[in-house]
Amino acid sequence: MTLDRVVWSMLQEALAVYRDSPRATAWLRAHAERYTEPVRIAVAGRGRIGKSTVVNALIGDEFTPQGSFVWYRGGTEPRAHVFTGPGRPHEVPIGRRGSRNHVETGQIDRADRVVVEWPARTLRDVVLIDTPSEASPEQVLGDADALLYLMRHVQDDDLKFLQAANDHPIARTAAVHTVAVLARADEIGAGRIDALSSAKQIARRYRRDVAVQPLCQNVVSVAGLLAMAARTLRADEFQALRVLASLGREELEDHLLSADRFVGEQFPLAMEPAVRQALLERFGIFGVRLVTALIRQGFDSQVKLTGQLVQRSGLGELRDSIAVHFTERREVLKARSALLALDVVLRMEPRPGARKLVTDLERVVASAHDFRELRLVAALQAGRTKLPAELQAEALRLVGAEGTSPPARLGFEYEPDAGELREALLDALVRWQAQAADVHAPNDHRRAAQVVVRTCEGLLPHFS
């Protein structure tokens, strides 16, 4: 039986054991309802790090930041509700302020949570939760299954937050729910033209950092402002940028030395200062410099330019990381959240009838292979565990980095029959059993092979 089904059965058993406790029953029912939802991803970090900007870039629409928790869910039409306590939520309109969508909270003084339903492709598979900067790790993770943590560099406060996010026996055992993001990557090295490549190198270094690697699955870099501008680029902005690119590179660079020079009266093109100011707010000096350079290099249509900006901003890598570590593993992350919820109930209201649940909880957490798979994916991708290139590619595929269906794990690009799957699986199993038993191989090599062997063994019953 798969992990998510085992944990679902435990939730149902707990509901029966605690049926006479309204508080425990409400808590357990809430987590049972979460089980069928898309994975909930909280976006957290210190103030002015760009959380709302990254959320907007992922959604593909720009929203005015709020001072409370804002949940973005998929929906067939735009709607918003404000929660102010245990009562019924208030439905409020969504209007426009300039280029941004704005939730009109009106006379509501304090919002515990704002829920926005929005027709965006990204929100079909995830719920994005934009969190207040002052929120504690407990508040951030209370309703979330996974975490995107934004930072500029890894500082003590960042490490403390990530450590607190894993400060629970189950969380430490199943530390598979966090991706760290070096945000505002365009500001690395005072906004040099090579800032984005420098940020990627720093992110790779952090993946191997002994203080960081136990706390997250991956570290990626993102220029949030550039990513959001790419996803929401308007035709009038593109035309203005093409006009800027018509200037000679050195002449334009001379006016990009500061914001004042760029919007000043001495600008050599007949372009209103308000237009230049708007471009500066949307792209930043680095973004204007990069975009005009790309247009000169031949990315001279809006489609070509947008694709290049999404790639260079790091948004593509971030979306890939969310897919590999979160959405592809939705069932595992939901099970993890439910195990944490069960632990809360069992500790807060211990009773004789729950002893079996306590034992089952400990056994599931200790033996869950799904958590080991996720940790191995992170270790191989970050370079913390090294295998020969041909073995590493196969190991990543087998443990689900390219998809969790049997054909995807076994490398089929077409729909194979059961016989083909079984033959490929047995071939992989024998090969990885030999790797696991190789006494001359390094310890981390053999441990990785053991995880792959267990994955192959788990697939065998499907084709017996």
Protein backbone atom coordinates (compact mmCIF):
# COMPACT_ATOMS: atom_id res chain seq x y z
CA MET A 1 0.00 0.00 0.00
CA THR A 2 1.33 3.46 -0.91
CA LEU A 3 2.29 5.99 1.74
CA ASP A 4 -0.63 8.31 1.03
CA ARG A 5 -3.14 5.46 1.36
CA VAL A 6 -1.55 4.26 4.60
CA VAL A 7 -1.72 7.75 6.09
CA TRP A 8 -5.28 8.26 4.82
CA SER A 9 -6.32 5.08 6.67
CA MET A 10 -4.62 6.40 9.81
CA LEU A 11 -6.57 9.66 9.53
CA GLN A 12 -9.84 7.73 9.32
CA GLU A 13 -8.86 5.57 12.29
CA ALA A 14 -7.97 8.69 14.29
CA LEU A 15 -11.35 10.25 13.48
CA ALA A 16 -13.01 7.17 14.93
CA VAL A 17 -10.82 7.16 18.06
CA TYR A 18 -11.39 10.89 18.72
CA ARG A 19 -15.05 11.13 17.63
CA ASP A 20 -15.99 12.41 21.10
CA SER A 21 -13.48 15.31 20.95
CA PRO A 22 -14.82 18.26 18.89
CA ARG A 23 -11.43 19.98 18.79
CA ALA A 24 -9.51 16.89 17.64
CA THR A 25 -12.24 15.94 15.16
CA ALA A 26 -12.25 19.41 13.57
CA TRP A 27 -8.46 19.34 13.27
CA LEU A 28 -8.41 15.88 11.69
CA ARG A 29 -11.28 16.64 9.30
CA ALA A 30 -9.50 19.75 8.10
CA HIS A 31 -6.45 17.66 7.22
CA ALA A 32 -8.60 15.00 5.58
CA GLU A 33 -10.09 17.73 3.36
CA ARG A 34 -6.59 18.97 2.49
CA TYR A 35 -5.70 15.52 1.20
CA THR A 36 -7.53 15.99 -2.10
CA GLU A 37 -6.39 19.58 -2.71
CA PRO A 38 -3.43 20.76 -4.79
CA VAL A 39 -0.20 21.05 -2.83
CA ARG A 40 -0.08 24.21 -0.71
CA ILE A 41 3.17 26.17 -1.07
CA ALA A 42 3.97 28.98 1.37
CA VAL A 43 6.30 31.72 0.07
CA ALA A 44 8.21 33.22 3.00
CA GLY A 45 11.22 35.43 3.76
CA ARG A 46 12.25 38.64 5.42
CA GLY A 47 10.78 42.04 4.56
CA ARG A 48 11.33 43.53 1.09
CA ILE A 49 12.82 40.31 -0.24
CA GLY A 50 10.29 40.13 -3.09
CA LYS A 51 7.82 37.44 -1.99
CA SER A 52 4.83 39.03 -3.73
CA THR A 53 6.91 39.63 -6.85
CA VAL A 54 7.89 35.95 -7.09
CA VAL A 55 4.28 34.88 -6.44
CA ASN A 56 3.07 37.21 -9.20
CA ALA A 57 5.72 35.84 -11.57
CA LEU A 58 4.60 32.27 -10.89
CA ILE A 59 0.92 33.17 -11.40
CA GLY A 60 1.55 35.30 -14.47
CA ASP A 61 -0.53 38.26 -13.20
CA GLU A 62 0.35 41.21 -10.99
CA PHE A 63 -1.47 41.75 -7.69
CA THR A 64 -1.13 44.54 -5.16
CA PRO A 65 0.65 43.20 -2.03
CA GLN A 66 -1.50 42.75 1.08
CA GLY A 67 -0.47 42.92 4.72
CA SER A 68 -1.88 39.50 5.60
CA PHE A 69 -1.71 35.91 4.38
CA VAL A 70 -2.94 35.79 0.78
CA TRP A 71 -3.88 32.44 -0.75
CA TYR A 72 -4.00 32.14 -4.53
CA ARG A 73 -6.11 29.20 -5.76
CA GLY A 74 -7.20 28.10 -9.19
CA GLY A 75 -10.71 29.15 -10.23
CA THR A 76 -12.88 29.49 -13.30
CA GLU A 77 -13.39 33.22 -12.67
CA PRO A 78 -11.75 35.87 -10.45
CA ARG A 79 -13.16 35.92 -6.92
CA ALA A 80 -11.84 36.94 -3.51
CA HIS A 81 -12.88 36.26 0.09
CA VAL A 82 -11.59 37.85 3.27
CA PHE A 83 -11.46 35.79 6.48
CA THR A 84 -11.52 37.81 9.70
CA GLY A 85 -12.14 35.07 12.25
CA PRO A 86 -14.21 31.95 12.78
CA GLY A 87 -17.31 33.39 11.08
CA ARG A 88 -18.32 33.36 7.44
CA PRO A 89 -15.84 35.00 5.05
CA HIS A 90 -16.66 38.28 3.27
CA GLU A 91 -16.72 38.17 -0.52
CA VAL A 92 -15.01 41.28 -1.93
CA PRO A 93 -14.44 42.53 -5.48
CA ILE A 94 -11.16 42.46 -7.39
CA GLY A 95 -10.46 45.72 -9.20
CA ARG A 96 -7.59 47.28 -11.14
CA ARG A 97 -5.15 49.89 -9.94
CA GLY A 98 -2.93 50.83 -12.85
CA SER A 99 -1.42 47.59 -14.15
CA ARG A 100 -2.19 45.62 -10.99
CA ASN A 101 -5.13 43.57 -9.77
CA HIS A 102 -6.28 44.80 -6.37
CA VAL A 103 -8.44 43.04 -3.78
CA GLU A 104 -10.86 45.69 -2.54
CA THR A 105 -11.01 44.94 1.20
CA GLY A 106 -12.93 48.19 1.81
CA GLN A 107 -13.93 48.76 5.44
CA ILE A 108 -12.46 45.48 6.71
CA ASP A 109 -9.84 46.53 9.25
CA ARG A 110 -8.07 43.25 9.91
CA ALA A 111 -7.84 40.28 7.60
CA ASP A 112 -6.52 36.99 8.93
CA ARG A 113 -6.46 35.58 5.42
CA VAL A 114 -7.40 36.67 1.91
CA VAL A 115 -8.26 33.89 -0.55
CA VAL A 116 -8.08 34.78 -4.25
CA GLU A 117 -9.48 32.39 -6.87
CA TRP A 118 -7.83 33.10 -10.20
CA PRO A 119 -7.94 31.38 -13.63
CA ALA A 120 -4.20 30.71 -14.03
CA ARG A 121 -2.58 27.54 -15.38
CA THR A 122 -0.03 27.51 -12.54
CA LEU A 123 -2.80 27.40 -9.96
CA ARG A 124 -4.26 24.17 -11.32
CA ASP A 125 -1.59 22.18 -9.46
CA VAL A 126 -0.66 24.40 -6.51
CA VAL A 127 -2.05 26.83 -3.99
CA LEU A 128 0.41 29.69 -3.47
CA ILE A 129 0.39 31.38 -0.04
CA ASP A 130 2.02 34.83 0.12
CA THR A 131 3.01 35.29 3.78
CA PRO A 132 3.62 38.42 5.90
CA SER A 133 7.28 39.11 6.68
CA GLU A 134 6.67 39.06 10.43
CA ALA A 135 5.00 35.62 10.39
CA SER A 136 6.68 32.92 12.48
CA PRO A 137 7.70 29.54 11.01
CA GLU A 138 4.73 27.97 12.84
CA GLN A 139 2.32 30.44 11.24
CA VAL A 140 3.88 30.07 7.79
CA LEU A 141 3.85 26.28 7.80
CA GLY A 142 0.62 25.75 9.75
CA ASP A 143 -1.51 25.49 6.61
CA ALA A 144 1.19 24.70 4.03
CA ASP A 145 2.55 21.44 2.67
CA ALA A 146 5.74 22.95 1.24
CA LEU A 147 7.88 26.06 1.56
CA LEU A 148 9.65 28.43 -0.82
CA TYR A 149 12.01 30.44 1.38
CA LEU A 150 13.42 33.62 -0.17
CA MET A 151 16.71 35.21 0.90
CA ARG A 152 19.52 37.30 -0.56
CA HIS A 153 22.38 35.42 1.06
CA VAL A 154 22.24 32.73 3.71
CA GLN A 155 22.41 34.65 6.98
CA ASP A 156 21.92 33.54 10.58
CA ASP A 157 18.26 34.63 10.62
CA ASP A 158 17.59 32.59 7.47
CA LEU A 159 19.19 29.50 8.95
CA LYS A 160 17.21 29.96 12.17
CA PHE A 161 13.95 30.13 10.21
CA LEU A 162 14.78 27.02 8.20
CA GLN A 163 15.89 25.18 11.32
CA ALA A 164 12.64 26.15 13.06
CA ALA A 165 10.72 24.86 10.03
CA ASN A 166 12.31 21.46 10.68
CA ASP A 167 12.19 21.63 14.48
CA HIS A 168 10.03 18.56 14.96
CA PRO A 169 11.02 14.87 14.99
CA ILE A 170 8.80 14.06 12.00
CA ALA A 171 9.89 17.19 10.12
CA ARG A 172 13.56 16.31 10.63
CA THR A 173 13.03 12.74 9.45
CA ALA A 174 10.99 13.94 6.46
CA ALA A 175 12.89 17.15 5.63
CA VAL A 176 11.64 17.12 2.06
CA HIS A 177 9.39 20.16 1.85
CA THR A 178 11.63 23.22 1.30
CA VAL A 179 13.24 24.91 -1.70
CA ALA A 180 15.42 27.93 -0.92
CA VAL A 181 15.46 30.83 -3.37
CA LEU A 182 18.19 33.44 -3.75
CA ALA A 183 15.85 36.29 -4.60
CA ARG A 184 16.68 39.59 -6.31
CA ALA A 185 19.45 37.85 -8.22
CA ASP A 186 19.82 40.86 -10.52
CA GLU A 187 21.27 42.83 -7.59
CA ILE A 188 24.25 40.49 -7.14
CA GLY A 189 27.52 42.35 -7.65
CA ALA A 190 25.85 45.76 -7.82
CA GLY A 191 23.74 44.74 -10.81
CA ARG A 192 26.55 43.85 -13.22
CA ILE A 193 25.48 42.38 -16.56
CA ASP A 194 26.75 38.96 -15.36
CA ALA A 195 24.71 39.19 -12.14
CA LEU A 196 22.35 36.35 -13.05
CA SER A 197 25.13 33.88 -13.88
CA SER A 198 26.94 34.89 -10.67
CA ALA A 199 23.75 34.26 -8.68
CA LYS A 200 23.40 30.78 -10.20
CA GLN A 201 26.97 29.96 -9.14
CA ILE A 202 26.25 31.16 -5.60
CA ALA A 203 23.10 29.01 -5.50
CA ARG A 204 25.11 25.95 -6.59
CA ARG A 205 27.62 26.64 -3.82
CA TYR A 206 24.86 26.87 -1.21
CA ARG A 207 23.48 23.48 -2.33
CA ARG A 208 26.71 21.95 -1.05
CA ASP A 209 26.95 24.07 2.10
CA VAL A 210 26.90 21.81 5.16
CA ALA A 211 24.74 24.32 7.06
CA VAL A 212 22.15 24.60 4.28
CA GLN A 213 21.93 21.15 2.69
CA PRO A 214 20.04 19.38 5.52
CA LEU A 215 17.38 22.10 5.55
CA CYS A 216 16.17 22.21 1.95
CA GLN A 217 15.78 20.14 -1.18
CA ASN A 218 17.30 22.66 -3.55
CA VAL A 219 18.65 26.21 -3.84
CA VAL A 220 17.85 28.25 -6.97
CA SER A 221 18.33 31.89 -7.90
CA VAL A 222 15.58 34.13 -9.28
CA ALA A 223 15.44 37.74 -10.43
CA GLY A 224 11.84 38.24 -9.36
CA LEU A 225 11.30 41.67 -10.90
CA LEU A 226 12.61 40.49 -14.26
CA ALA A 227 10.57 37.29 -14.08
CA MET A 228 7.35 39.13 -13.28
CA ALA A 229 7.95 41.69 -16.02
CA ALA A 230 8.54 38.86 -18.50
CA ARG A 231 5.28 37.09 -17.57
CA THR A 232 3.24 40.32 -17.73
CA LEU A 233 5.01 42.20 -20.55
CA ARG A 234 2.64 44.53 -22.41
CA ALA A 235 2.83 45.52 -26.06
CA ASP A 236 3.41 49.23 -25.25
CA GLU A 237 6.30 48.33 -22.95
CA PHE A 238 7.87 46.13 -25.62
CA GLN A 239 7.66 48.93 -28.17
CA ALA A 240 9.26 51.38 -25.73
CA LEU A 241 12.07 48.91 -25.06
CA ARG A 242 12.65 48.49 -28.80
CA VAL A 243 13.01 52.25 -29.10
CA LEU A 244 15.57 52.23 -26.27
CA ALA A 245 17.49 49.43 -27.98
CA SER A 246 17.83 51.61 -31.09
CA LEU A 247 20.27 53.77 -29.14
CA GLY A 248 23.91 52.82 -29.31
CA ARG A 249 24.94 50.52 -26.45
CA GLU A 250 27.50 52.93 -24.99
CA GLU A 251 25.16 55.90 -25.23
CA LEU A 252 22.36 54.01 -23.46
CA GLU A 253 24.76 52.64 -20.83
CA ASP A 254 25.83 56.18 -20.05
CA HIS A 255 22.22 57.00 -19.14
CA LEU A 256 21.78 53.79 -17.13
CA LEU A 257 24.44 54.70 -14.58
CA SER A 258 21.67 55.88 -12.25
CA ALA A 259 17.90 56.14 -12.11
CA ASP A 260 18.11 59.95 -12.17
CA ARG A 261 20.10 59.94 -15.42
CA PHE A 262 17.69 57.49 -17.05
CA VAL A 263 14.57 59.56 -16.30
CA GLY A 264 16.30 62.95 -16.61
CA GLU A 265 15.63 65.72 -19.13
CA GLN A 266 18.92 65.13 -20.99
CA PHE A 267 17.86 61.73 -22.30
CA PRO A 268 18.73 61.57 -26.02
CA LEU A 269 15.43 60.05 -27.22
CA ALA A 270 12.00 61.65 -27.49
CA MET A 271 10.48 59.45 -24.80
CA GLU A 272 8.42 60.86 -21.97
CA PRO A 273 10.11 60.70 -18.51
CA ALA A 274 6.94 59.02 -17.18
CA VAL A 275 7.38 56.17 -19.68
CA ARG A 276 11.03 55.71 -18.67
CA GLN A 277 10.07 55.83 -14.99
CA ALA A 278 7.46 53.12 -15.55
CA LEU A 279 10.03 50.92 -17.32
CA LEU A 280 12.43 51.45 -14.44
CA GLU A 281 9.81 50.40 -11.89
CA ARG A 282 8.87 47.33 -13.90
CA PHE A 283 12.34 46.12 -14.95
CA GLY A 284 14.90 47.94 -12.81
CA ILE A 285 18.11 49.34 -14.29
CA PHE A 286 19.55 45.86 -14.69
CA GLY A 287 16.43 44.66 -16.50
CA VAL A 288 16.40 47.60 -18.94
CA ARG A 289 20.08 47.00 -19.66
CA LEU A 290 19.55 43.26 -20.23
CA VAL A 291 16.37 43.60 -22.30
CA THR A 292 17.83 46.16 -24.69
CA ALA A 293 20.94 43.99 -25.12
CA LEU A 294 18.75 40.97 -25.92
CA ILE A 295 16.71 42.92 -28.49
CA ARG A 296 19.95 43.93 -30.22
CA GLN A 297 21.01 40.26 -30.23
CA GLY A 298 17.96 39.24 -32.22
CA PHE A 299 15.26 38.61 -29.60
CA ASP A 300 13.25 41.27 -31.36
CA SER A 301 9.70 39.95 -31.01
CA GLN A 302 7.64 39.95 -27.85
CA VAL A 303 7.39 36.13 -27.84
CA LYS A 304 11.14 35.63 -28.32
CA LEU A 305 12.00 38.22 -25.69
CA THR A 306 9.57 36.85 -23.11
CA GLY A 307 10.92 33.30 -23.46
CA GLN A 308 14.49 34.49 -23.07
CA LEU A 309 13.68 36.59 -20.00
CA VAL A 310 11.84 33.73 -18.28
CA GLN A 311 14.88 31.51 -18.82
CA ARG A 312 17.49 34.07 -17.76
CA SER A 313 15.53 35.30 -14.74
CA GLY A 314 15.65 31.82 -13.17
CA LEU A 315 11.87 31.48 -13.23
CA GLY A 316 12.09 28.41 -15.45
CA GLU A 317 14.45 26.67 -13.03
CA LEU A 318 12.23 27.62 -10.11
CA ARG A 319 9.15 26.17 -11.83
CA ASP A 320 11.09 22.98 -12.63
CA SER A 321 12.15 22.69 -8.99
CA ILE A 322 8.56 23.18 -7.80
CA ALA A 323 7.45 20.45 -10.22
CA VAL A 324 10.14 17.92 -9.20
CA HIS A 325 10.05 18.49 -5.46
CA PHE A 326 6.44 19.55 -4.84
CA THR A 327 3.77 18.93 -7.47
CA GLU A 328 5.14 15.57 -8.66
CA ARG A 329 5.23 14.51 -4.99
CA ARG A 330 1.89 15.94 -3.95
CA GLU A 331 0.75 12.70 -2.32
CA VAL A 332 3.96 12.42 -0.30
CA LEU A 333 3.77 16.01 0.92
CA LYS A 334 0.08 15.65 1.81
CA ALA A 335 0.92 12.49 3.75
CA ARG A 336 3.72 14.33 5.54
CA SER A 337 1.35 17.16 6.56
CA ALA A 338 -1.18 14.61 7.81
CA LEU A 339 1.48 12.77 9.85
CA LEU A 340 2.41 16.05 11.53
CA ALA A 341 -1.29 16.71 12.23
CA LEU A 342 -1.75 13.23 13.70
CA ASP A 343 1.26 13.76 15.93
CA VAL A 344 -0.28 16.98 17.29
CA VAL A 345 -3.51 15.19 18.24
CA LEU A 346 -1.75 12.18 19.76
CA ARG A 347 0.44 14.41 21.92
CA MET A 348 -2.26 16.90 22.95
CA GLU A 349 -4.92 14.31 23.76
CA PRO A 350 -3.25 10.98 24.62
CA ARG A 351 -5.64 8.12 25.33
CA PRO A 352 -5.40 4.30 25.56
CA GLY A 353 -7.39 3.78 22.37
CA ALA A 354 -4.76 5.72 20.40
CA ARG A 355 -1.77 3.52 21.32
CA LYS A 356 -1.91 1.62 18.02
CA LEU A 357 -1.94 4.93 16.14
CA VAL A 358 1.17 6.07 18.03
CA THR A 359 2.98 2.87 17.05
CA ASP A 360 1.82 3.11 13.45
CA LEU A 361 2.92 6.73 13.23
CA GLU A 362 6.44 5.93 14.43
CA ARG A 363 6.70 2.98 12.05
CA VAL A 364 5.50 4.91 9.00
CA VAL A 365 7.83 7.85 9.60
CA ALA A 366 10.82 5.57 10.14
CA SER A 367 10.20 3.36 7.13
CA ALA A 368 8.66 5.65 4.48
CA HIS A 369 10.67 5.07 1.30
CA ASP A 370 9.06 8.08 -0.41
CA PHE A 371 10.98 10.42 1.91
CA ARG A 372 14.25 8.63 1.11
CA GLU A 373 13.59 9.05 -2.61
CA LEU A 374 13.09 12.79 -2.25
CA ARG A 375 16.23 13.17 -0.17
CA LEU A 376 18.23 11.24 -2.77
CA VAL A 377 16.90 13.39 -5.62
CA ALA A 378 18.04 16.50 -3.73
CA ALA A 379 21.45 15.00 -2.84
CA LEU A 380 22.18 13.94 -6.43
CA GLN A 381 21.01 17.19 -8.00
CA ALA A 382 22.97 19.29 -5.52
CA GLY A 383 26.12 17.20 -5.90
CA ARG A 384 26.15 16.12 -2.27
CA THR A 385 26.05 12.50 -3.44
CA LYS A 386 28.10 11.68 -6.52
CA LEU A 387 27.66 8.81 -8.96
CA PRO A 388 29.26 8.21 -12.36
CA ALA A 389 27.39 10.28 -14.95
CA GLU A 390 25.55 7.40 -16.62
CA LEU A 391 24.51 5.93 -13.26
CA GLN A 392 23.46 9.31 -11.87
CA ALA A 393 21.08 9.99 -14.75
CA GLU A 394 19.48 6.56 -14.34
CA ALA A 395 19.27 6.86 -10.54
CA LEU A 396 17.50 10.22 -10.79
CA ARG A 397 15.06 8.82 -13.32
CA LEU A 398 14.32 5.67 -11.31
CA VAL A 399 13.62 7.54 -8.06
CA GLY A 400 11.17 9.85 -9.82
CA ALA A 401 13.03 13.06 -10.71
CA GLU A 402 11.56 12.95 -14.24
CA GLY A 403 8.12 11.67 -13.27
CA THR A 404 6.74 9.11 -10.86
CA SER A 405 4.82 6.80 -13.21
CA PRO A 406 6.50 3.43 -13.94
CA PRO A 407 7.10 4.26 -17.66
CA ALA A 408 8.72 7.60 -16.72
CA ARG A 409 10.89 5.97 -14.06
CA LEU A 410 12.02 3.28 -16.50
CA GLY A 411 12.81 5.74 -19.30
CA PHE A 412 10.07 4.90 -21.80
CA GLU A 413 9.03 7.71 -24.15
CA TYR A 414 6.07 5.70 -25.40
CA GLU A 415 3.38 3.62 -23.69
CA PRO A 416 5.02 0.20 -23.13
CA ASP A 417 3.16 -3.03 -22.44
CA ALA A 418 3.49 -4.87 -19.13
CA GLY A 419 6.10 -7.27 -20.50
CA GLU A 420 8.39 -4.46 -21.63
CA LEU A 421 8.05 -2.72 -18.27
CA ARG A 422 8.83 -5.88 -16.34
CA GLU A 423 11.88 -6.67 -18.46
CA ALA A 424 13.27 -3.14 -18.08
CA LEU A 425 12.56 -3.19 -14.34
CA LEU A 426 14.31 -6.52 -13.75
CA ASP A 427 17.29 -5.33 -15.76
CA ALA A 428 17.53 -2.16 -13.62
CA LEU A 429 17.07 -4.11 -10.39
CA VAL A 430 19.95 -6.51 -11.16
CA ARG A 431 22.22 -3.64 -12.18
CA TRP A 432 21.54 -1.61 -9.03
CA GLN A 433 21.77 -4.63 -6.73
CA ALA A 434 25.31 -5.05 -8.04
CA GLN A 435 26.03 -1.37 -7.30
CA ALA A 436 24.66 -1.70 -3.77
CA ALA A 437 26.83 -4.78 -3.12
CA ASP A 438 30.05 -3.29 -4.57
CA VAL A 439 32.44 -3.25 -1.58
CA HIS A 440 34.89 -1.05 -3.51
CA ALA A 441 32.35 1.74 -4.05
CA PRO A 442 32.18 4.75 -1.68
CA ASN A 443 29.62 4.58 1.12
CA ASP A 444 27.37 7.30 -0.33
CA HIS A 445 27.41 5.45 -3.67
CA ARG A 446 26.22 2.23 -2.05
CA ARG A 447 23.61 4.02 0.07
CA ALA A 448 22.20 5.71 -3.04
CA ALA A 449 22.12 2.34 -4.81
CA GLN A 450 20.21 0.81 -1.90
CA VAL A 451 17.50 3.47 -2.26
CA VAL A 452 17.26 2.76 -6.00
CA VAL A 453 17.05 -1.00 -5.33
CA ARG A 454 14.20 -0.42 -2.88
CA THR A 455 12.39 1.68 -5.51
CA CYS A 456 12.74 -1.11 -8.09
CA GLU A 457 11.55 -3.71 -5.59
CA GLY A 458 8.54 -1.54 -4.81
CA LEU A 459 7.60 -1.46 -8.51
CA LEU A 460 7.85 -5.23 -9.01
CA PRO A 461 4.40 -6.15 -7.61
CA HIS A 462 2.79 -3.98 -10.33
CA PHE A 463 4.11 -6.36 -13.01
CA SER A 464 4.12 -9.77 -11.33
